[in-house]
N, C-alpha and C. Protein backbone atom coordinates (compact mmCIF):
# COMPACT_ATOMS: atom_id res chain seq x y z
N UNK A 1 9.39 -46.02 35.18
CA UNK A 1 8.46 -45.01 34.65
C UNK A 1 8.53 -43.76 35.53
N UNK A 2 8.51 -42.58 34.87
CA UNK A 2 8.59 -41.32 35.59
C UNK A 2 7.24 -40.96 36.17
N UNK A 3 7.25 -40.49 37.40
CA UNK A 3 5.99 -40.04 38.00
C UNK A 3 5.68 -38.63 37.53
N UNK A 4 4.41 -38.23 37.75
CA UNK A 4 4.00 -36.87 37.37
C UNK A 4 4.84 -35.83 38.09
N UNK A 5 5.18 -36.13 39.33
CA UNK A 5 5.95 -35.18 40.14
C UNK A 5 7.32 -34.93 39.52
N UNK A 6 7.87 -35.92 38.82
CA UNK A 6 9.20 -35.79 38.22
C UNK A 6 9.14 -35.18 36.82
N UNK A 7 8.01 -35.37 36.13
CA UNK A 7 7.90 -34.91 34.74
C UNK A 7 7.94 -33.39 34.64
N UNK A 8 7.22 -32.70 35.54
CA UNK A 8 7.16 -31.24 35.44
C UNK A 8 8.53 -30.58 35.59
N UNK A 9 9.32 -30.93 36.62
CA UNK A 9 10.65 -30.33 36.73
C UNK A 9 11.54 -30.66 35.55
N UNK A 10 11.37 -31.88 35.01
CA UNK A 10 12.19 -32.28 33.87
C UNK A 10 11.87 -31.43 32.63
N UNK A 11 10.58 -31.22 32.38
CA UNK A 11 10.17 -30.40 31.24
C UNK A 11 10.64 -28.97 31.41
N UNK A 12 10.48 -28.44 32.64
CA UNK A 12 10.93 -27.07 32.90
C UNK A 12 12.44 -26.96 32.72
N UNK A 13 13.18 -27.96 33.16
CA UNK A 13 14.63 -27.93 33.01
C UNK A 13 15.06 -27.98 31.56
N UNK A 14 14.38 -28.80 30.75
CA UNK A 14 14.69 -28.88 29.32
C UNK A 14 14.40 -27.55 28.62
N UNK A 15 13.28 -26.90 29.02
CA UNK A 15 12.93 -25.60 28.42
C UNK A 15 13.98 -24.56 28.73
N UNK A 16 14.43 -24.51 29.98
CA UNK A 16 15.46 -23.56 30.38
C UNK A 16 16.77 -23.83 29.67
N UNK A 17 17.10 -25.09 29.51
CA UNK A 17 18.35 -25.44 28.82
C UNK A 17 18.29 -25.03 27.36
N UNK A 18 17.11 -25.19 26.74
CA UNK A 18 16.95 -24.79 25.34
C UNK A 18 17.11 -23.29 25.18
N UNK A 19 16.44 -22.53 26.07
CA UNK A 19 16.53 -21.07 26.01
C UNK A 19 17.95 -20.59 26.27
N UNK A 20 18.60 -21.21 27.24
CA UNK A 20 19.96 -20.80 27.57
C UNK A 20 20.93 -21.14 26.45
N UNK A 21 20.57 -22.15 25.65
CA UNK A 21 21.46 -22.57 24.59
C UNK A 21 21.50 -21.64 23.40
N UNK A 22 20.52 -20.76 23.28
CA UNK A 22 20.45 -19.87 22.12
C UNK A 22 21.62 -18.90 22.09
N UNK A 23 21.93 -18.29 23.23
CA UNK A 23 22.98 -17.28 23.26
C UNK A 23 24.36 -17.88 22.99
N UNK A 24 24.75 -18.97 23.65
CA UNK A 24 26.05 -19.56 23.31
C UNK A 24 26.16 -19.94 21.84
N UNK A 25 25.07 -20.47 21.28
CA UNK A 25 25.09 -20.84 19.87
C UNK A 25 25.27 -19.61 19.00
N UNK A 26 24.53 -18.53 19.36
CA UNK A 26 24.63 -17.30 18.59
C UNK A 26 26.02 -16.70 18.71
N UNK A 27 26.60 -16.75 19.92
CA UNK A 27 27.95 -16.23 20.11
C UNK A 27 28.96 -17.01 19.27
N UNK A 28 28.75 -18.30 19.15
CA UNK A 28 29.62 -19.12 18.31
C UNK A 28 29.52 -18.70 16.85
N UNK A 29 28.29 -18.43 16.38
CA UNK A 29 28.11 -17.98 15.01
C UNK A 29 28.80 -16.64 14.75
N UNK A 30 28.81 -15.78 15.78
CA UNK A 30 29.51 -14.49 15.66
C UNK A 30 31.01 -14.74 15.49
N UNK A 31 31.54 -15.67 16.26
CA UNK A 31 32.97 -15.97 16.17
C UNK A 31 33.33 -16.53 14.80
N UNK A 32 32.43 -17.32 14.21
CA UNK A 32 32.73 -17.97 12.93
C UNK A 32 32.45 -17.04 11.75
N UNK A 33 31.25 -16.42 11.77
CA UNK A 33 30.82 -15.65 10.61
C UNK A 33 30.92 -14.13 10.81
N UNK A 34 31.15 -13.70 12.03
CA UNK A 34 31.31 -12.27 12.28
C UNK A 34 30.03 -11.49 12.36
N UNK A 35 28.91 -12.16 12.51
CA UNK A 35 27.64 -11.45 12.65
C UNK A 35 26.69 -12.25 13.53
N UNK A 36 25.67 -11.54 14.02
CA UNK A 36 24.75 -12.16 14.97
C UNK A 36 23.32 -11.97 14.50
N UNK A 37 22.47 -12.92 14.88
CA UNK A 37 21.04 -12.77 14.60
C UNK A 37 20.45 -11.59 15.36
N UNK A 38 21.10 -11.21 16.47
CA UNK A 38 20.59 -10.11 17.27
C UNK A 38 20.94 -8.74 16.69
N UNK A 39 21.86 -8.72 15.74
CA UNK A 39 22.32 -7.45 15.17
C UNK A 39 22.36 -7.61 13.67
N UNK A 40 21.29 -7.26 13.00
CA UNK A 40 21.22 -7.46 11.57
C UNK A 40 20.58 -6.27 10.87
N UNK A 41 20.82 -6.18 9.58
CA UNK A 41 20.34 -5.07 8.76
C UNK A 41 18.82 -5.08 8.70
N UNK A 42 18.23 -3.93 8.88
CA UNK A 42 16.78 -3.81 8.75
C UNK A 42 16.48 -2.61 7.86
N UNK A 43 15.30 -2.61 7.26
CA UNK A 43 14.89 -1.54 6.36
C UNK A 43 13.86 -0.65 7.05
N UNK A 44 14.00 0.65 6.82
CA UNK A 44 12.97 1.56 7.27
C UNK A 44 11.73 1.37 6.39
N UNK A 45 10.55 1.80 6.86
CA UNK A 45 9.35 1.68 6.02
C UNK A 45 9.55 2.38 4.68
N UNK A 46 9.22 1.71 3.60
CA UNK A 46 9.26 2.24 2.24
C UNK A 46 10.69 2.52 1.76
N UNK A 47 11.71 2.03 2.49
CA UNK A 47 13.08 2.30 2.07
C UNK A 47 13.46 1.47 0.85
N UNK A 48 12.98 0.24 0.78
CA UNK A 48 13.37 -0.66 -0.30
C UNK A 48 12.13 -1.33 -0.88
N UNK A 49 11.21 -0.53 -1.40
CA UNK A 49 9.95 -1.07 -1.89
C UNK A 49 10.18 -1.92 -3.14
N UNK A 50 9.45 -3.00 -3.21
CA UNK A 50 9.55 -3.88 -4.37
C UNK A 50 8.15 -4.24 -4.84
N UNK A 51 7.98 -4.25 -6.15
CA UNK A 51 6.70 -4.62 -6.70
C UNK A 51 6.47 -6.12 -6.63
N UNK A 52 5.30 -6.54 -7.07
CA UNK A 52 5.00 -7.97 -7.08
C UNK A 52 5.90 -8.68 -8.09
N UNK A 53 6.24 -9.94 -7.88
CA UNK A 53 7.09 -10.68 -8.82
C UNK A 53 6.49 -10.70 -10.22
N UNK A 54 7.35 -10.68 -11.22
CA UNK A 54 6.90 -10.68 -12.61
C UNK A 54 6.06 -11.92 -12.90
N UNK A 55 4.93 -11.68 -13.54
CA UNK A 55 4.05 -12.78 -13.92
C UNK A 55 3.04 -13.16 -12.86
N UNK A 56 3.15 -12.57 -11.67
CA UNK A 56 2.21 -12.91 -10.61
C UNK A 56 0.92 -12.12 -10.78
N UNK A 57 -0.16 -12.66 -10.30
CA UNK A 57 -1.46 -12.00 -10.36
C UNK A 57 -2.01 -11.93 -8.95
N UNK A 58 -2.10 -10.72 -8.42
CA UNK A 58 -2.55 -10.56 -7.04
C UNK A 58 -4.04 -10.81 -6.92
N UNK A 59 -4.48 -11.22 -5.74
CA UNK A 59 -5.90 -11.47 -5.51
C UNK A 59 -6.71 -10.21 -5.74
N UNK A 60 -6.22 -9.06 -5.23
CA UNK A 60 -6.97 -7.82 -5.35
C UNK A 60 -7.13 -7.41 -6.80
N UNK A 61 -6.16 -7.76 -7.66
CA UNK A 61 -6.24 -7.39 -9.07
C UNK A 61 -7.43 -8.08 -9.72
N UNK A 62 -7.62 -9.35 -9.39
CA UNK A 62 -8.74 -10.08 -9.96
C UNK A 62 -10.05 -9.85 -9.25
N UNK A 63 -9.98 -9.18 -8.10
CA UNK A 63 -11.20 -8.95 -7.34
C UNK A 63 -11.96 -7.77 -7.93
N UNK A 64 -12.69 -8.04 -8.99
CA UNK A 64 -13.47 -7.02 -9.67
C UNK A 64 -14.94 -7.36 -9.54
N UNK A 65 -15.56 -7.10 -8.40
CA UNK A 65 -16.95 -7.48 -8.17
C UNK A 65 -17.91 -6.64 -8.97
N UNK A 66 -19.16 -7.03 -8.94
CA UNK A 66 -20.17 -6.32 -9.71
C UNK A 66 -20.61 -5.03 -9.05
N UNK A 67 -20.34 -4.87 -7.76
CA UNK A 67 -20.78 -3.68 -7.05
C UNK A 67 -19.88 -3.43 -5.85
N UNK A 68 -19.86 -2.18 -5.38
CA UNK A 68 -19.05 -1.89 -4.19
C UNK A 68 -19.50 -2.72 -2.99
N UNK A 69 -18.55 -3.10 -2.15
CA UNK A 69 -18.88 -3.86 -0.95
C UNK A 69 -18.94 -5.35 -1.15
N UNK A 70 -18.83 -5.81 -2.40
CA UNK A 70 -18.83 -7.24 -2.67
C UNK A 70 -17.40 -7.72 -2.85
N UNK A 71 -17.17 -8.99 -2.52
CA UNK A 71 -15.85 -9.60 -2.67
C UNK A 71 -16.01 -10.94 -3.34
N UNK A 72 -15.24 -11.17 -4.40
CA UNK A 72 -15.25 -12.47 -5.05
C UNK A 72 -14.31 -13.42 -4.33
N UNK A 73 -14.73 -14.63 -4.15
CA UNK A 73 -13.87 -15.63 -3.50
C UNK A 73 -13.48 -16.73 -4.48
N UNK A 74 -13.98 -16.65 -5.70
CA UNK A 74 -13.62 -17.64 -6.71
C UNK A 74 -12.91 -16.98 -7.87
N UNK A 75 -13.27 -17.36 -9.08
CA UNK A 75 -12.67 -16.76 -10.25
C UNK A 75 -13.12 -15.32 -10.40
N UNK A 76 -12.25 -14.43 -10.96
CA UNK A 76 -12.64 -13.03 -11.14
C UNK A 76 -13.89 -12.91 -12.01
N UNK A 77 -14.88 -12.26 -11.48
CA UNK A 77 -16.13 -12.03 -12.19
C UNK A 77 -16.60 -10.61 -11.87
N UNK A 78 -17.60 -10.16 -12.61
CA UNK A 78 -18.14 -8.83 -12.32
C UNK A 78 -17.73 -7.83 -13.37
N UNK A 79 -17.30 -6.64 -12.96
CA UNK A 79 -16.95 -5.59 -13.92
C UNK A 79 -15.68 -5.97 -14.67
N UNK A 80 -15.56 -5.46 -15.88
CA UNK A 80 -14.37 -5.70 -16.69
C UNK A 80 -13.27 -4.73 -16.28
N UNK A 81 -12.12 -5.25 -15.91
CA UNK A 81 -10.99 -4.41 -15.50
C UNK A 81 -9.87 -4.59 -16.51
N UNK A 82 -9.58 -3.58 -17.34
CA UNK A 82 -8.54 -3.73 -18.36
C UNK A 82 -7.15 -3.86 -17.75
N UNK A 83 -6.28 -4.55 -18.45
CA UNK A 83 -4.89 -4.69 -17.99
C UNK A 83 -4.17 -3.36 -18.22
N UNK A 84 -3.49 -2.88 -17.18
CA UNK A 84 -2.76 -1.62 -17.27
C UNK A 84 -1.35 -1.80 -16.72
N UNK A 85 -0.41 -1.04 -17.27
CA UNK A 85 0.96 -1.01 -16.77
C UNK A 85 1.37 0.45 -16.64
N UNK A 86 2.59 0.68 -16.11
CA UNK A 86 3.07 2.04 -15.97
C UNK A 86 3.25 2.71 -17.32
N UNK A 87 3.44 1.92 -18.38
CA UNK A 87 3.56 2.50 -19.72
C UNK A 87 2.28 3.22 -20.13
N UNK A 88 1.14 2.82 -19.54
CA UNK A 88 -0.14 3.46 -19.88
C UNK A 88 -0.29 4.83 -19.24
N UNK A 89 0.59 5.19 -18.31
CA UNK A 89 0.49 6.51 -17.69
C UNK A 89 0.78 7.61 -18.71
N UNK A 90 1.72 7.34 -19.61
CA UNK A 90 1.96 8.25 -20.72
C UNK A 90 2.06 9.71 -20.33
N UNK A 91 1.28 10.55 -21.00
CA UNK A 91 1.27 11.98 -20.73
C UNK A 91 0.74 12.23 -19.33
N UNK A 92 1.53 12.92 -18.47
CA UNK A 92 1.10 13.14 -17.08
C UNK A 92 -0.30 13.75 -16.98
N UNK A 93 -1.13 13.12 -16.18
CA UNK A 93 -2.47 13.62 -15.96
C UNK A 93 -3.49 13.14 -16.96
N UNK A 94 -3.01 12.53 -18.06
CA UNK A 94 -3.94 12.10 -19.13
C UNK A 94 -3.85 10.59 -19.32
N UNK A 95 -2.66 10.11 -19.69
CA UNK A 95 -2.47 8.68 -19.88
C UNK A 95 -2.86 8.18 -21.25
N UNK A 96 -2.76 6.86 -21.43
CA UNK A 96 -3.07 6.23 -22.71
C UNK A 96 -4.57 6.22 -22.96
N UNK A 97 -4.95 5.72 -24.13
CA UNK A 97 -6.37 5.64 -24.47
C UNK A 97 -7.10 4.71 -23.51
N UNK A 98 -6.43 3.65 -23.05
CA UNK A 98 -7.07 2.74 -22.10
C UNK A 98 -7.35 3.45 -20.78
N UNK A 99 -6.43 4.32 -20.37
CA UNK A 99 -6.65 5.09 -19.14
C UNK A 99 -7.77 6.09 -19.34
N UNK A 100 -7.75 6.78 -20.46
CA UNK A 100 -8.76 7.79 -20.73
C UNK A 100 -10.17 7.19 -20.82
N UNK A 101 -10.24 5.91 -21.17
CA UNK A 101 -11.55 5.25 -21.31
C UNK A 101 -12.13 4.84 -19.96
N UNK A 102 -11.33 4.88 -18.90
CA UNK A 102 -11.83 4.49 -17.58
C UNK A 102 -12.82 5.53 -17.06
N UNK A 103 -13.87 5.05 -16.43
CA UNK A 103 -14.90 5.93 -15.86
C UNK A 103 -15.08 5.60 -14.40
N UNK A 104 -15.06 6.61 -13.57
CA UNK A 104 -15.26 6.41 -12.13
C UNK A 104 -16.67 5.87 -11.89
N UNK A 105 -16.80 4.62 -11.40
CA UNK A 105 -18.12 4.03 -11.22
C UNK A 105 -18.80 4.42 -9.91
N UNK A 106 -18.12 5.21 -9.08
CA UNK A 106 -18.68 5.58 -7.78
C UNK A 106 -19.16 7.02 -7.80
N UNK A 107 -19.94 7.38 -6.80
CA UNK A 107 -20.40 8.75 -6.64
C UNK A 107 -19.35 9.52 -5.83
N UNK A 108 -18.68 10.50 -6.44
CA UNK A 108 -17.60 11.21 -5.75
C UNK A 108 -18.04 11.92 -4.47
N UNK A 109 -19.33 12.19 -4.35
CA UNK A 109 -19.83 12.90 -3.17
C UNK A 109 -20.51 11.99 -2.17
N UNK A 110 -20.50 10.69 -2.44
CA UNK A 110 -21.15 9.74 -1.53
C UNK A 110 -20.38 9.69 -0.21
N UNK A 111 -21.04 9.98 0.92
CA UNK A 111 -20.34 9.96 2.22
C UNK A 111 -19.68 8.63 2.53
N UNK A 112 -20.33 7.52 2.14
CA UNK A 112 -19.75 6.20 2.40
C UNK A 112 -18.46 5.99 1.59
N UNK A 113 -18.48 6.46 0.35
CA UNK A 113 -17.29 6.33 -0.49
C UNK A 113 -16.15 7.18 0.07
N UNK A 114 -16.47 8.39 0.50
CA UNK A 114 -15.43 9.26 1.07
C UNK A 114 -14.88 8.70 2.38
N UNK A 115 -15.75 8.13 3.19
CA UNK A 115 -15.31 7.55 4.45
C UNK A 115 -14.40 6.34 4.20
N UNK A 116 -14.78 5.52 3.24
CA UNK A 116 -13.95 4.36 2.90
C UNK A 116 -12.63 4.83 2.28
N UNK A 117 -12.71 5.84 1.41
CA UNK A 117 -11.50 6.37 0.80
C UNK A 117 -10.55 6.94 1.85
N UNK A 118 -11.09 7.64 2.85
CA UNK A 118 -10.26 8.18 3.92
C UNK A 118 -9.60 7.06 4.72
N UNK A 119 -10.37 6.01 5.01
CA UNK A 119 -9.82 4.87 5.76
C UNK A 119 -8.62 4.27 5.04
N UNK A 120 -8.75 4.06 3.74
CA UNK A 120 -7.67 3.46 2.97
C UNK A 120 -6.52 4.43 2.77
N UNK A 121 -6.83 5.71 2.59
CA UNK A 121 -5.78 6.71 2.45
C UNK A 121 -4.92 6.75 3.71
N UNK A 122 -5.57 6.73 4.87
CA UNK A 122 -4.83 6.78 6.14
C UNK A 122 -4.06 5.48 6.38
N UNK A 123 -4.45 4.43 5.70
CA UNK A 123 -3.77 3.14 5.86
C UNK A 123 -2.57 3.02 4.92
N UNK A 124 -2.73 3.47 3.68
CA UNK A 124 -1.70 3.24 2.67
C UNK A 124 -0.96 4.50 2.21
N UNK A 125 -1.62 5.63 2.17
CA UNK A 125 -1.08 6.80 1.48
C UNK A 125 -0.48 7.87 2.39
N UNK A 126 -0.98 7.96 3.62
CA UNK A 126 -0.63 9.06 4.51
C UNK A 126 0.86 9.11 4.82
N UNK A 127 1.52 7.96 4.82
CA UNK A 127 2.94 7.91 5.17
C UNK A 127 3.77 8.80 4.25
N UNK A 128 3.49 8.75 2.96
CA UNK A 128 4.28 9.50 1.98
C UNK A 128 3.62 10.80 1.53
N UNK A 129 2.31 10.91 1.67
CA UNK A 129 1.62 12.08 1.14
C UNK A 129 1.04 13.00 2.21
N UNK A 130 1.08 12.59 3.46
CA UNK A 130 0.60 13.44 4.54
C UNK A 130 -0.90 13.38 4.72
N UNK A 131 -1.40 13.68 5.91
CA UNK A 131 -2.84 13.60 6.18
C UNK A 131 -3.67 14.59 5.37
N UNK A 132 -3.05 15.69 4.93
CA UNK A 132 -3.77 16.68 4.14
C UNK A 132 -3.41 16.61 2.66
N UNK A 133 -2.65 15.60 2.28
CA UNK A 133 -2.25 15.45 0.88
C UNK A 133 -1.04 16.28 0.50
N UNK A 134 -0.47 17.02 1.45
CA UNK A 134 0.70 17.84 1.19
C UNK A 134 1.94 17.04 1.57
N UNK A 135 2.76 16.74 0.58
CA UNK A 135 3.90 15.86 0.80
C UNK A 135 4.84 16.33 1.88
N UNK A 136 4.99 17.65 2.02
CA UNK A 136 5.90 18.19 3.03
C UNK A 136 5.45 17.84 4.45
N UNK A 137 4.18 17.52 4.61
CA UNK A 137 3.63 17.16 5.92
C UNK A 137 3.56 15.65 6.13
N UNK A 138 4.15 14.90 5.22
CA UNK A 138 4.10 13.43 5.31
C UNK A 138 4.88 12.93 6.51
N UNK A 139 4.44 11.79 7.04
CA UNK A 139 5.11 11.21 8.20
C UNK A 139 6.54 10.79 7.89
N UNK A 140 6.81 10.52 6.62
CA UNK A 140 8.13 10.04 6.25
C UNK A 140 9.08 11.19 5.92
N UNK A 141 8.58 12.42 5.85
CA UNK A 141 9.36 13.56 5.36
C UNK A 141 10.61 13.81 6.20
N UNK A 142 10.50 13.76 7.51
CA UNK A 142 11.66 14.05 8.36
C UNK A 142 12.66 12.90 8.42
N UNK A 143 12.22 11.71 8.01
CA UNK A 143 13.10 10.54 8.04
C UNK A 143 13.86 10.39 6.73
N UNK A 144 13.25 10.80 5.65
CA UNK A 144 13.89 10.71 4.34
C UNK A 144 13.71 12.05 3.62
N UNK A 145 14.39 13.10 4.06
CA UNK A 145 14.17 14.44 3.50
C UNK A 145 14.56 14.59 2.04
N UNK A 146 15.44 13.68 1.54
CA UNK A 146 15.86 13.81 0.15
C UNK A 146 14.84 13.20 -0.82
N UNK A 147 13.89 12.43 -0.30
CA UNK A 147 12.87 11.84 -1.16
C UNK A 147 11.79 12.87 -1.47
N UNK A 148 11.47 13.06 -2.74
CA UNK A 148 10.41 14.01 -3.07
C UNK A 148 9.05 13.47 -2.66
N UNK A 149 8.33 14.22 -1.84
CA UNK A 149 7.00 13.81 -1.40
C UNK A 149 5.96 14.54 -2.26
N UNK A 150 5.22 13.80 -3.04
CA UNK A 150 4.32 14.40 -4.02
C UNK A 150 3.13 15.06 -3.35
N UNK A 151 2.78 16.24 -3.82
CA UNK A 151 1.68 17.01 -3.26
C UNK A 151 0.37 16.64 -3.97
N UNK A 152 -0.39 15.75 -3.35
CA UNK A 152 -1.64 15.28 -3.98
C UNK A 152 -2.73 16.34 -3.98
N UNK A 153 -2.70 17.24 -3.02
CA UNK A 153 -3.78 18.23 -2.92
C UNK A 153 -3.45 19.53 -3.66
N UNK A 154 -2.31 19.56 -4.34
CA UNK A 154 -1.90 20.76 -5.07
C UNK A 154 -2.59 20.89 -6.42
N UNK A 155 -2.36 22.00 -7.10
CA UNK A 155 -3.04 22.26 -8.38
C UNK A 155 -2.65 21.32 -9.50
N UNK A 156 -1.42 20.78 -9.45
CA UNK A 156 -0.98 19.88 -10.54
C UNK A 156 -1.83 18.61 -10.56
N UNK A 157 -1.91 17.92 -9.42
CA UNK A 157 -2.69 16.68 -9.38
C UNK A 157 -4.18 16.98 -9.46
N UNK A 158 -4.59 18.16 -9.03
CA UNK A 158 -6.01 18.53 -9.15
C UNK A 158 -6.44 18.55 -10.62
N UNK A 159 -5.50 18.79 -11.53
CA UNK A 159 -5.81 18.81 -12.96
C UNK A 159 -5.68 17.44 -13.60
N UNK A 160 -5.24 16.43 -12.83
CA UNK A 160 -5.22 15.07 -13.35
C UNK A 160 -6.64 14.52 -13.41
N UNK A 161 -6.89 13.66 -14.36
CA UNK A 161 -8.21 13.03 -14.43
C UNK A 161 -8.36 11.99 -13.33
N UNK A 162 -9.61 11.67 -13.00
CA UNK A 162 -9.87 10.61 -12.02
C UNK A 162 -9.19 9.31 -12.46
N UNK A 163 -9.30 9.03 -13.76
CA UNK A 163 -8.75 7.78 -14.29
C UNK A 163 -7.23 7.73 -14.13
N UNK A 164 -6.57 8.88 -14.27
CA UNK A 164 -5.12 8.90 -14.15
C UNK A 164 -4.69 8.65 -12.71
N UNK A 165 -5.38 9.29 -11.77
CA UNK A 165 -5.06 9.07 -10.35
C UNK A 165 -5.32 7.61 -9.98
N UNK A 166 -6.42 7.07 -10.47
CA UNK A 166 -6.74 5.66 -10.24
C UNK A 166 -5.61 4.78 -10.75
N UNK A 167 -5.12 5.06 -11.95
CA UNK A 167 -4.07 4.24 -12.55
C UNK A 167 -2.77 4.34 -11.76
N UNK A 168 -2.43 5.53 -11.27
CA UNK A 168 -1.24 5.67 -10.45
C UNK A 168 -1.34 4.81 -9.19
N UNK A 169 -2.54 4.80 -8.58
CA UNK A 169 -2.74 3.97 -7.39
C UNK A 169 -2.56 2.50 -7.75
N UNK A 170 -3.08 2.13 -8.88
CA UNK A 170 -3.10 0.72 -9.26
C UNK A 170 -1.73 0.19 -9.69
N UNK A 171 -0.99 0.95 -10.52
CA UNK A 171 0.26 0.43 -11.08
C UNK A 171 1.50 1.11 -10.51
N UNK A 172 1.32 2.21 -9.75
CA UNK A 172 2.47 2.92 -9.20
C UNK A 172 3.08 3.87 -10.22
N UNK A 173 3.98 4.72 -9.74
CA UNK A 173 4.70 5.63 -10.64
C UNK A 173 5.95 6.14 -9.93
N UNK A 174 7.09 6.12 -10.63
CA UNK A 174 8.32 6.59 -10.04
C UNK A 174 8.69 5.78 -8.80
N UNK A 175 8.90 6.48 -7.68
CA UNK A 175 9.25 5.80 -6.42
C UNK A 175 8.04 5.17 -5.75
N UNK A 176 6.87 5.52 -6.20
CA UNK A 176 5.65 4.98 -5.58
C UNK A 176 5.39 3.57 -6.09
N UNK A 177 5.29 2.59 -5.18
CA UNK A 177 4.99 1.22 -5.61
C UNK A 177 3.53 1.08 -6.01
N UNK A 178 3.23 -0.02 -6.68
CA UNK A 178 1.84 -0.28 -7.05
C UNK A 178 1.02 -0.70 -5.83
N UNK A 179 -0.24 -0.30 -5.81
CA UNK A 179 -1.14 -0.72 -4.74
C UNK A 179 -2.32 -1.52 -5.28
N UNK A 180 -2.24 -1.88 -6.55
CA UNK A 180 -3.30 -2.70 -7.13
C UNK A 180 -3.39 -4.07 -6.49
N UNK A 181 -2.28 -4.53 -5.92
CA UNK A 181 -2.29 -5.84 -5.27
C UNK A 181 -2.78 -5.77 -3.83
N UNK A 182 -3.01 -4.54 -3.33
CA UNK A 182 -3.44 -4.38 -1.95
C UNK A 182 -4.78 -3.66 -1.81
N UNK A 183 -5.14 -2.89 -2.81
CA UNK A 183 -6.40 -2.16 -2.77
C UNK A 183 -7.26 -2.64 -3.93
N UNK A 184 -8.44 -3.12 -3.66
CA UNK A 184 -9.29 -3.71 -4.70
C UNK A 184 -9.95 -2.64 -5.57
N UNK A 185 -10.61 -3.09 -6.62
CA UNK A 185 -11.10 -2.21 -7.69
C UNK A 185 -11.90 -1.00 -7.21
N UNK A 186 -13.04 -1.22 -6.57
CA UNK A 186 -13.87 -0.08 -6.17
C UNK A 186 -13.19 0.76 -5.10
N UNK A 187 -12.39 0.13 -4.26
CA UNK A 187 -11.71 0.88 -3.22
C UNK A 187 -10.69 1.86 -3.80
N UNK A 188 -10.11 1.53 -4.94
CA UNK A 188 -9.19 2.48 -5.58
C UNK A 188 -9.93 3.75 -5.96
N UNK A 189 -11.13 3.59 -6.45
CA UNK A 189 -11.93 4.76 -6.82
C UNK A 189 -12.36 5.53 -5.57
N UNK A 190 -12.60 4.81 -4.48
CA UNK A 190 -12.92 5.51 -3.23
C UNK A 190 -11.75 6.39 -2.78
N UNK A 191 -10.53 5.89 -2.97
CA UNK A 191 -9.36 6.70 -2.63
C UNK A 191 -9.28 7.91 -3.55
N UNK A 192 -9.57 7.72 -4.82
CA UNK A 192 -9.58 8.86 -5.77
C UNK A 192 -10.56 9.93 -5.27
N UNK A 193 -11.74 9.50 -4.86
CA UNK A 193 -12.75 10.46 -4.38
C UNK A 193 -12.25 11.22 -3.16
N UNK A 194 -11.55 10.52 -2.28
CA UNK A 194 -11.04 11.19 -1.08
C UNK A 194 -9.92 12.15 -1.43
N UNK A 195 -9.08 11.80 -2.38
CA UNK A 195 -8.01 12.72 -2.83
C UNK A 195 -8.65 13.99 -3.40
N UNK A 196 -9.75 13.83 -4.12
CA UNK A 196 -10.46 15.01 -4.65
C UNK A 196 -10.96 15.89 -3.50
N UNK A 197 -11.40 15.29 -2.44
CA UNK A 197 -11.86 16.06 -1.28
C UNK A 197 -10.69 16.85 -0.67
N UNK A 198 -9.52 16.21 -0.57
CA UNK A 198 -8.34 16.90 -0.05
C UNK A 198 -7.99 18.09 -0.94
N UNK A 199 -8.14 17.92 -2.24
CA UNK A 199 -7.85 19.02 -3.16
C UNK A 199 -8.82 20.18 -2.96
N UNK A 200 -10.09 19.86 -2.81
CA UNK A 200 -11.07 20.92 -2.57
C UNK A 200 -10.80 21.62 -1.24
N UNK A 201 -10.45 20.83 -0.22
CA UNK A 201 -10.14 21.42 1.09
C UNK A 201 -8.94 22.37 1.01
N UNK A 202 -8.02 22.08 0.07
CA UNK A 202 -6.84 22.92 -0.10
C UNK A 202 -7.09 24.11 -1.01
N UNK A 203 -8.32 24.22 -1.52
CA UNK A 203 -8.67 25.34 -2.39
C UNK A 203 -8.34 25.13 -3.85
N UNK A 204 -8.11 23.87 -4.24
CA UNK A 204 -7.79 23.55 -5.63
C UNK A 204 -8.93 22.73 -6.23
N UNK A 205 -9.65 23.30 -7.18
CA UNK A 205 -10.75 22.59 -7.80
C UNK A 205 -10.23 21.43 -8.61
N UNK A 206 -10.75 20.22 -8.41
CA UNK A 206 -10.32 19.07 -9.21
C UNK A 206 -10.68 19.25 -10.67
N UNK A 207 -10.12 18.38 -11.50
CA UNK A 207 -10.43 18.41 -12.94
C UNK A 207 -11.93 18.36 -13.16
N UNK A 208 -12.43 19.20 -14.02
CA UNK A 208 -13.88 19.28 -14.26
C UNK A 208 -14.55 20.32 -13.41
N UNK A 209 -13.82 20.90 -12.44
CA UNK A 209 -14.35 21.99 -11.64
C UNK A 209 -15.40 21.57 -10.64
N UNK A 210 -15.43 20.26 -10.27
CA UNK A 210 -16.45 19.79 -9.32
C UNK A 210 -15.98 19.97 -7.89
C-alpha cells in the first residue's frame, strides 16, 4: 500500500506527464494532418453570423410576459406576440399589415425604459451601429470597412415606424442577424425607444414628430 508521502509526488508526476504529453501528441497530428490545434481558423465578431436553426423556437421568442420586468419560466403566457418573418418587413419603414398592427406597449419617454434600452443597445447594437447610432462611428467600421454600417440616427430610419424598427430587431434584415432569440419582447421595445432618443439627439425627429 502506498503511503501518503508517496501519493502526492506520484499524482504530481502523473499531472506533469499528462501536460507534457499534449505537445508531442499535437506535433504528431501536425505531421499526419498538416494542422495543429494551436493554429486554427477563427472568426472575427459578426464575420459569419448565422440565424437560429430552422424550426427552432428560442426561449426569448416565447417569453412574452404580461408586463415589463416579468419573466416566464414555463409555457409562453401573457401578451400575444404574432409570428413574424423577414418577409413581413415588406415596404421599408412600413412593413406588412401584421407589422403595422403592432403597437409600442411602453412609454417612449419613460426613464427606466430608456435606461434599459441603452443597456441593451450597448450590449447588442453598438458594435455595428456605433454609440451614437451613426454607422460610420461603429466599433466594427475600421475592421470591416466594406460592410455597410446602417445609420440608425439618420433621417431615413427616423421615418420608420416603431413597429418596423421593432421587427428589424426581432427578425433581422440583410446582413443584420435576428435578435429575437436574445432580446425578449418588452426589451425590444425598450431598444426602439432608445433608438428614437438617438435620433432626437442627432436632430432628426422620429416618425410622428415626437
